[in-house]
């Protein structure tokens, strides 16, 4: 039995690797293929009558580690200099404004049609307002550098701002002036913790001589993130700061503290760290979506009661995105289409207590919006690819 499990997981990850390689040419998001593959494995298991234990509790664990690694991988690729201020500013505005408008708009709709409290409607709306960096960043890897950077910044910041906003609403029943004061204090505390932790981890990376050095660093990152999350701190900020810091040592070497780390030598270690992070991220991202696909029930995907809502929400997402792209004078093609929902949407949805869930925002709705947004992205990227060929 154990050999069969090892063979199955190895084969599935190798297929996932083929999906990842082919996605740059086919423009079919690997997430759709992974979900389909996971779902097919379940149908095959049912057909041959293989009993598999309940794997639902494993999903949030894979998702959390995957999210940490995805944001880390994306932030390691970003350049930090004055020439990037415009793109950082615009991507921040896109991430925040879209999320707030979609969140409050959907919250009102959920509140109006499902009843309950507006707060519950908002908690159920926020996951659908967040762009999934787990899908967006890999899908943008073949775009020109400027568009790729924008998508990486925007999706990473959307994850961070979205999680911060969700946690803020979840832990506060009454929004008072003192509530915002406490929140700002927690945010400042997390920024300070992030800088101290980042300096400590960078120092370790430069000083560890043992042949095993990257795994302990990654484990410490996960540990700091998890401890920060227990205290409701915006822990994704730490991941972003750490990745930006060690990925841009050359831009920071004028500071004495950075100079002591010998950035010219440390850059070689950072390059190796990027490589191993990319490898591990691929594995966890693939396992998460394979498992999520496996846990999909066919009636949930084809639920006609939610398909109208799913289409309306998906259309609204891209309409609002087009509006902000026009206001900020950003290119519609291909940026308009790269706004998928995915890993972070699932994680936040699973964390909503049963008593605070609204009837409309069920698993079927979440799943359908994820699939529809991924299909829109796929069609947009295929269209973009054809236009590039015509131009050349």
Protein backbone atom coordinates (compact mmCIF):
# COMPACT_ATOMS: atom_id res chain seq x y z
CA UNK A 1 0.00 0.00 0.00
CA UNK A 2 2.79 2.44 0.92
CA UNK A 3 4.56 1.73 -2.39
CA UNK A 4 1.35 2.44 -4.28
CA UNK A 5 0.98 5.82 -2.51
CA UNK A 6 4.60 6.77 -3.29
CA UNK A 7 4.20 5.76 -6.94
CA UNK A 8 0.91 7.68 -7.25
CA UNK A 9 2.23 10.91 -5.69
CA UNK A 10 5.45 10.76 -7.73
CA UNK A 11 3.53 10.18 -10.96
CA UNK A 12 1.07 12.99 -10.22
CA UNK A 13 3.89 15.46 -9.47
CA UNK A 14 5.67 14.50 -12.69
CA UNK A 15 2.44 15.11 -14.62
CA UNK A 16 2.13 18.45 -12.79
CA UNK A 17 5.65 19.26 -13.97
CA UNK A 18 4.61 18.56 -17.57
CA UNK A 19 1.62 20.86 -17.08
CA UNK A 20 3.96 23.59 -15.79
CA UNK A 21 6.26 23.23 -18.80
CA UNK A 22 3.45 23.17 -21.36
CA UNK A 23 1.45 26.07 -19.86
CA UNK A 24 3.84 28.66 -21.39
CA UNK A 25 3.00 27.35 -24.88
CA UNK A 26 -0.65 26.32 -24.50
CA UNK A 27 -1.56 29.27 -22.20
CA UNK A 28 -3.82 26.86 -20.30
CA UNK A 29 -3.31 27.67 -16.58
CA UNK A 30 -1.75 24.68 -14.87
CA UNK A 31 -4.23 25.10 -12.00
CA UNK A 32 -7.13 24.04 -14.24
CA UNK A 33 -5.23 20.94 -15.35
CA UNK A 34 -4.23 20.15 -11.75
CA UNK A 35 -7.81 20.46 -10.52
CA UNK A 36 -8.99 18.25 -13.37
CA UNK A 37 -6.24 15.71 -12.66
CA UNK A 38 -7.09 15.60 -8.94
CA UNK A 39 -10.78 15.19 -9.74
CA UNK A 40 -9.98 12.38 -12.23
CA UNK A 41 -7.93 10.52 -9.60
CA UNK A 42 -10.94 10.53 -7.28
CA UNK A 43 -13.24 9.22 -10.03
CA UNK A 44 -10.72 6.47 -10.78
CA UNK A 45 -10.48 5.57 -7.07
CA UNK A 46 -14.28 5.34 -6.84
CA UNK A 47 -14.44 3.25 -10.02
CA UNK A 48 -11.92 0.64 -8.79
CA UNK A 49 -13.33 0.83 -5.25
CA UNK A 50 -10.17 2.04 -3.49
CA UNK A 51 -10.81 3.36 0.00
CA UNK A 52 -8.92 6.62 0.71
CA UNK A 53 -9.10 8.34 4.12
CA UNK A 54 -10.52 11.85 4.53
CA UNK A 55 -7.79 14.25 3.36
CA UNK A 56 -9.69 17.49 3.98
CA UNK A 57 -7.64 18.47 7.11
CA UNK A 58 -4.44 18.32 5.04
CA UNK A 59 -5.65 21.01 2.60
CA UNK A 60 -5.19 24.09 4.89
CA UNK A 61 -1.69 22.90 5.87
CA UNK A 62 -0.56 22.53 2.26
CA UNK A 63 -2.25 25.81 1.39
CA UNK A 64 -0.60 27.81 4.18
CA UNK A 65 2.89 26.52 3.37
CA UNK A 66 2.21 27.01 -0.33
CA UNK A 67 1.10 30.61 0.23
CA UNK A 68 4.24 31.42 2.24
CA UNK A 69 6.49 29.97 -0.45
CA UNK A 70 4.62 31.57 -3.35
CA UNK A 71 4.81 35.09 -1.86
CA UNK A 72 8.47 34.45 -0.97
CA UNK A 73 9.26 33.25 -4.49
CA UNK A 74 7.52 36.26 -6.02
CA UNK A 75 9.18 38.82 -3.72
CA UNK A 76 12.64 37.36 -4.41
CA UNK A 77 12.15 38.23 -8.10
CA UNK A 78 11.25 41.87 -7.50
CA UNK A 79 13.73 44.72 -7.95
CA UNK A 80 13.79 47.48 -5.35
CA UNK A 81 14.96 50.83 -6.72
CA UNK A 82 13.68 54.32 -7.51
CA UNK A 83 12.70 53.36 -11.04
CA UNK A 84 10.16 50.89 -9.60
CA UNK A 85 8.27 53.43 -7.46
CA UNK A 86 5.65 54.06 -10.14
CA UNK A 87 4.88 50.39 -10.72
CA UNK A 88 4.80 49.69 -6.97
CA UNK A 89 2.44 52.61 -6.39
CA UNK A 90 0.06 51.66 -9.18
CA UNK A 91 0.06 47.95 -8.28
CA UNK A 92 -0.66 48.86 -4.63
CA UNK A 93 -3.59 51.05 -5.65
CA UNK A 94 -4.94 48.33 -7.95
CA UNK A 95 -4.65 45.69 -5.22
CA UNK A 96 -6.28 47.79 -2.48
CA UNK A 97 -9.01 49.61 -4.42
CA UNK A 98 -10.21 46.52 -6.30
CA UNK A 99 -10.31 44.48 -3.11
CA UNK A 100 -12.26 47.10 -1.15
CA UNK A 101 -14.80 47.84 -3.89
CA UNK A 102 -15.47 44.16 -4.64
CA UNK A 103 -15.56 43.25 -0.93
CA UNK A 104 -18.08 45.91 0.07
CA UNK A 105 -20.15 45.45 -3.08
CA UNK A 106 -20.43 41.69 -2.59
CA UNK A 107 -20.94 42.10 1.16
CA UNK A 108 -23.98 44.29 0.53
CA UNK A 109 -25.34 41.77 -2.00
CA UNK A 110 -24.86 38.85 0.42
CA UNK A 111 -26.42 40.88 3.24
CA UNK A 112 -29.39 41.93 1.09
CA UNK A 113 -30.18 38.49 -0.36
CA UNK A 114 -29.11 36.20 2.50
CA UNK A 115 -29.87 38.29 5.57
CA UNK A 116 -27.72 37.98 8.67
CA UNK A 117 -25.24 40.71 9.53
CA UNK A 118 -23.28 42.93 7.15
CA UNK A 119 -20.08 41.79 8.91
CA UNK A 120 -20.79 38.15 7.99
CA UNK A 121 -21.47 39.21 4.43
CA UNK A 122 -18.14 41.07 4.37
CA UNK A 123 -16.21 38.08 5.76
CA UNK A 124 -17.64 35.87 3.02
CA UNK A 125 -17.02 38.49 0.33
CA UNK A 126 -13.34 39.26 1.04
CA UNK A 127 -11.98 35.85 -0.13
CA UNK A 128 -13.61 36.42 -3.53
CA UNK A 129 -12.03 39.89 -3.80
CA UNK A 130 -8.42 38.70 -3.54
CA UNK A 131 -6.25 37.88 -6.56
CA UNK A 132 -4.44 34.57 -6.18
CA UNK A 133 -0.68 35.03 -6.46
CA UNK A 134 -0.43 31.22 -6.54
CA UNK A 135 -2.00 31.29 -10.00
CA UNK A 136 -1.22 34.80 -11.25
CA UNK A 137 2.57 34.79 -10.72
CA UNK A 138 3.29 31.50 -12.57
CA UNK A 139 0.86 32.50 -15.35
CA UNK A 140 2.67 35.83 -15.87
CA UNK A 141 6.18 34.39 -16.07
CA UNK A 142 6.25 34.56 -19.90
CA UNK A 143 5.05 38.17 -20.17
CA UNK A 144 7.38 41.10 -20.79
CA UNK A 145 9.31 42.18 -17.68
CA UNK A 146 7.16 45.26 -16.94
CA UNK A 147 3.86 43.32 -16.99
CA UNK A 148 5.35 40.39 -15.10
CA UNK A 149 6.59 42.72 -12.34
CA UNK A 150 3.21 44.45 -12.12
CA UNK A 151 1.35 41.14 -11.75
CA UNK A 152 3.84 39.90 -9.14
CA UNK A 153 3.53 43.07 -7.06
CA UNK A 154 -0.24 43.35 -7.46
CA UNK A 155 -1.10 39.72 -6.68
CA UNK A 156 1.34 39.52 -3.74
CA UNK A 157 0.01 42.78 -2.29
CA UNK A 158 -3.57 41.64 -2.92
CA UNK A 159 -2.86 38.52 -0.84
CA UNK A 160 -1.26 40.58 1.93
CA UNK A 161 -3.85 43.36 2.06
CA UNK A 162 -6.67 40.84 1.69
CA UNK A 163 -5.49 38.66 4.59
CA UNK A 164 -4.92 41.75 6.77
CA UNK A 165 -8.41 43.06 5.98
CA UNK A 166 -10.02 39.63 6.54
CA UNK A 167 -8.31 39.15 9.91
CA UNK A 168 -9.21 42.69 10.97
CA UNK A 169 -12.91 42.07 10.25
CA UNK A 170 -12.83 38.56 11.76
CA UNK A 171 -11.40 39.53 15.17
CA UNK A 172 -13.33 42.80 15.68
CA UNK A 173 -17.05 42.74 16.35
CA UNK A 174 -17.33 46.52 16.75
CA UNK A 175 -15.34 48.93 14.61
CA UNK A 176 -14.44 51.84 16.88
CA UNK A 177 -11.65 54.42 16.83
CA UNK A 178 -9.67 52.43 19.38
CA UNK A 179 -10.05 49.32 17.22
CA UNK A 180 -8.22 51.03 14.35
CA UNK A 181 -5.57 52.26 16.79
CA UNK A 182 -4.90 48.73 18.02
CA UNK A 183 -4.78 47.49 14.44
CA UNK A 184 -2.22 50.12 13.42
CA UNK A 185 -0.16 49.20 16.49
CA UNK A 186 -0.21 45.52 15.46
CA UNK A 187 0.76 46.50 11.92
CA UNK A 188 3.70 48.57 13.17
CA UNK A 189 4.74 45.71 15.47
CA UNK A 190 4.73 43.29 12.53
CA UNK A 191 6.87 45.64 10.42
CA UNK A 192 9.42 45.93 13.25
CA UNK A 193 9.40 42.13 13.78
CA UNK A 194 9.82 41.68 10.02
CA UNK A 195 12.90 43.89 9.80
CA UNK A 196 14.55 42.34 12.88
CA UNK A 197 13.77 38.79 11.70
CA UNK A 198 14.94 39.58 8.17
CA UNK A 199 18.29 40.89 9.40
CA UNK A 200 18.69 37.82 11.62
CA UNK A 201 17.87 35.37 8.83
CA UNK A 202 20.15 37.19 6.37
CA UNK A 203 22.97 37.03 8.93
CA UNK A 204 22.41 33.29 9.37
CA UNK A 205 22.37 32.79 5.62
CA UNK A 206 25.75 34.52 5.36
CA UNK A 207 27.31 32.70 8.34
CA UNK A 208 26.06 29.11 8.17
CA UNK A 209 28.85 26.96 6.72
CA UNK A 210 27.11 23.62 7.11
CA UNK A 211 26.11 21.92 3.86
CA UNK A 212 22.47 22.11 4.96
CA UNK A 213 21.62 25.80 5.27
CA UNK A 214 18.55 26.63 3.17
CA UNK A 215 16.08 24.20 4.75
CA UNK A 216 16.55 25.68 8.27
CA UNK A 217 16.05 29.19 6.85
CA UNK A 218 12.78 28.17 5.14
CA UNK A 219 11.61 26.40 8.31
CA UNK A 220 12.36 29.54 10.37
CA UNK A 221 10.37 31.65 7.89
CA UNK A 222 7.38 29.29 8.25
CA UNK A 223 7.79 29.32 12.04
CA UNK A 224 7.87 33.13 12.29
CA UNK A 225 4.86 33.37 9.97
CA UNK A 226 2.85 30.83 11.98
CA UNK A 227 3.65 32.40 15.37
CA UNK A 228 2.75 35.86 14.03
CA UNK A 229 -0.54 34.49 12.70
CA UNK A 230 -1.48 33.13 16.16
CA UNK A 231 -1.33 36.69 17.48
CA UNK A 232 -3.35 37.97 14.49
CA UNK A 233 -0.39 39.90 13.11
CA UNK A 234 -0.27 40.57 9.33
CA UNK A 235 2.42 37.94 8.89
CA UNK A 236 2.56 37.99 5.08
CA UNK A 237 4.25 41.40 5.40
CA UNK A 238 7.25 39.59 6.91
CA UNK A 239 7.48 37.25 3.91
CA UNK A 240 7.36 40.18 1.47
CA UNK A 241 9.96 42.23 3.38
CA UNK A 242 12.32 39.26 3.73
CA UNK A 243 12.11 38.39 0.02
CA UNK A 244 12.59 42.01 -1.09
CA UNK A 245 15.50 42.46 1.32
CA UNK A 246 17.66 39.50 0.39
CA UNK A 247 16.71 39.76 -3.28
CA UNK A 248 17.96 43.36 -3.46
CA UNK A 249 21.18 43.37 -1.44
CA UNK A 250 23.05 45.26 -4.16
CA UNK A 251 20.54 48.12 -3.90
CA UNK A 252 20.98 48.27 -0.11
CA UNK A 253 24.75 47.80 0.26
CA UNK A 254 25.32 51.52 0.99
CA UNK A 255 23.94 50.84 4.48
CA UNK A 256 26.61 49.75 6.97
CA UNK A 257 24.53 46.88 8.36
CA UNK A 258 24.11 45.42 4.87
CA UNK A 259 27.78 45.97 3.99
CA UNK A 260 28.78 43.83 6.99
CA UNK A 261 26.84 40.92 5.47
CA UNK A 262 29.23 41.04 2.46
CA UNK A 263 26.50 41.20 -0.22
CA UNK A 264 28.87 40.32 -3.06
CA UNK A 265 29.40 36.88 -1.43
CA UNK A 266 25.88 36.54 -0.04
CA UNK A 267 24.37 37.09 -3.50
CA UNK A 268 25.66 33.66 -4.54
CA UNK A 269 23.88 32.06 -1.59
CA UNK A 270 20.72 34.04 -2.38
CA UNK A 271 20.79 32.71 -5.95
CA UNK A 272 20.90 29.14 -4.63
CA UNK A 273 18.16 30.00 -2.12
CA UNK A 274 15.94 31.26 -4.96
CA UNK A 275 16.44 28.02 -6.86
CA UNK A 276 15.51 25.75 -3.97
CA UNK A 277 12.54 28.00 -3.06
CA UNK A 278 11.23 27.72 -6.61
CA UNK A 279 11.55 23.92 -6.50
CA UNK A 280 9.77 23.54 -3.14
CA UNK A 281 7.07 26.05 -4.12
CA UNK A 282 6.25 24.06 -7.23
CA UNK A 283 5.79 20.91 -5.17
CA UNK A 284 3.51 22.42 -2.51
CA UNK A 285 1.46 24.42 -5.03
CA UNK A 286 0.93 21.32 -7.15
CA UNK A 287 -0.01 19.13 -4.17
CA UNK A 288 -2.50 21.74 -2.93
CA UNK A 289 -4.40 22.03 -6.20
CA UNK A 290 -4.25 18.27 -6.83
CA UNK A 291 -5.76 17.66 -3.40
CA UNK A 292 -8.35 20.39 -3.85
CA UNK A 293 -9.30 18.86 -7.20
CA UNK A 294 -9.55 15.48 -5.54
CA UNK A 295 -11.91 16.88 -2.88
CA UNK A 296 -14.22 18.45 -5.47
CA UNK A 297 -17.64 16.86 -5.61
CA UNK A 298 -19.08 16.91 -9.14
CA UNK A 299 -22.52 18.21 -8.01
CA UNK A 300 -20.74 21.17 -6.36
CA UNK A 301 -19.01 22.17 -9.59
CA UNK A 302 -22.22 21.81 -11.65
CA UNK A 303 -24.51 23.39 -9.06
CA UNK A 304 -27.09 25.36 -11.08
CA UNK A 305 -28.28 27.21 -7.96
CA UNK A 306 -25.02 29.17 -7.77
CA UNK A 307 -23.92 29.43 -11.41
CA UNK A 308 -25.85 32.70 -11.98
CA UNK A 309 -24.17 34.27 -8.94
CA UNK A 310 -20.78 32.93 -10.07
CA UNK A 311 -21.11 34.49 -13.53
CA UNK A 312 -22.28 37.84 -12.10
CA UNK A 313 -19.39 37.91 -9.61
CA UNK A 314 -16.81 36.98 -12.26
CA UNK A 315 -18.12 39.62 -14.70
CA UNK A 316 -18.09 42.22 -11.90
CA UNK A 317 -14.49 41.34 -10.99
CA UNK A 318 -13.24 41.99 -14.52
CA UNK A 319 -15.46 45.05 -15.07
CA UNK A 320 -14.06 46.70 -11.92
CA UNK A 321 -10.55 45.69 -12.95
CA UNK A 322 -11.00 47.27 -16.39
CA UNK A 323 -12.25 50.45 -14.73
CA UNK A 324 -9.16 50.82 -12.51
CA UNK A 325 -6.76 49.89 -15.32
CA UNK A 326 -8.24 52.72 -17.38
CA UNK A 327 -8.10 55.20 -14.49
CA UNK A 328 -4.45 54.34 -13.76
CA UNK A 329 -3.60 54.33 -17.51
CA UNK A 330 -2.32 50.77 -17.52
CA UNK A 331 -2.44 48.41 -20.55
CA UNK A 332 -5.67 46.42 -20.77
CA UNK A 333 -4.04 43.56 -22.63
CA UNK A 334 -2.96 41.30 -20.99
CA UNK A 335 -3.34 42.81 -17.46
CA UNK A 336 -7.15 42.80 -17.57
CA UNK A 337 -7.33 39.01 -17.76
CA UNK A 338 -4.84 38.10 -15.03
CA UNK A 339 -7.02 38.31 -11.93
CA UNK A 340 -7.60 34.69 -10.94
CA UNK A 341 -9.06 33.52 -7.65
CA UNK A 342 -7.50 30.44 -6.06
CA UNK A 343 -5.40 29.33 -3.12
CA UNK A 344 -5.92 32.32 -0.81
CA UNK A 345 -9.66 32.36 -1.61
CA UNK A 346 -9.94 28.72 -0.56
CA UNK A 347 -7.86 29.19 2.60
CA UNK A 348 -9.88 32.16 3.85
CA UNK A 349 -13.18 30.51 2.95
CA UNK A 350 -12.24 27.40 4.94
CA UNK A 351 -11.33 29.57 7.95
CA UNK A 352 -14.80 31.18 8.21
CA UNK A 353 -16.70 29.69 11.20
CA UNK A 354 -19.87 27.85 10.23
CA UNK A 355 -22.00 30.29 12.25
CA UNK A 356 -20.69 33.21 10.15
CA UNK A 357 -21.11 31.67 6.71
CA UNK A 358 -23.83 32.99 4.40
CA UNK A 359 -26.01 30.69 2.32
CA UNK A 360 -25.06 32.11 -1.07
CA UNK A 361 -21.28 31.97 -0.52
CA UNK A 362 -20.97 28.19 -0.38
CA UNK A 363 -18.30 25.85 -1.69
CA UNK A 364 -19.99 25.61 -5.11
CA UNK A 365 -19.86 29.38 -5.58
CA UNK A 366 -16.20 29.57 -4.54
CA UNK A 367 -15.25 26.72 -6.85
CA UNK A 368 -17.15 28.09 -9.83
CA UNK A 369 -15.65 31.59 -9.48
CA UNK A 370 -12.15 30.08 -9.26
CA UNK A 371 -12.70 28.04 -12.43
CA UNK A 372 -14.41 30.88 -14.34
CA UNK A 373 -11.69 33.41 -13.48
CA UNK A 374 -9.02 30.91 -14.53
CA UNK A 375 -10.82 30.31 -17.85
CA UNK A 376 -11.02 34.09 -18.50
CA UNK A 377 -7.28 34.32 -17.78
CA UNK A 378 -6.56 31.41 -20.13
CA UNK A 379 -8.58 32.92 -22.99
CA UNK A 380 -6.99 36.33 -22.42
CA UNK A 381 -3.45 34.93 -22.51
CA UNK A 382 -4.21 32.92 -25.66
CA UNK A 383 -5.56 36.07 -27.31
CA UNK A 384 -2.51 38.04 -26.17
CA UNK A 385 -0.21 35.36 -27.61
CA UNK A 386 -1.99 35.53 -30.99
CA UNK A 387 -1.73 39.33 -31.10
CA UNK A 388 2.03 39.15 -30.42
CA UNK A 389 2.44 36.69 -33.31
CA UNK A 390 0.53 39.02 -35.65
CA UNK A 391 2.70 41.99 -34.61
CA UNK A 392 5.92 40.07 -35.23
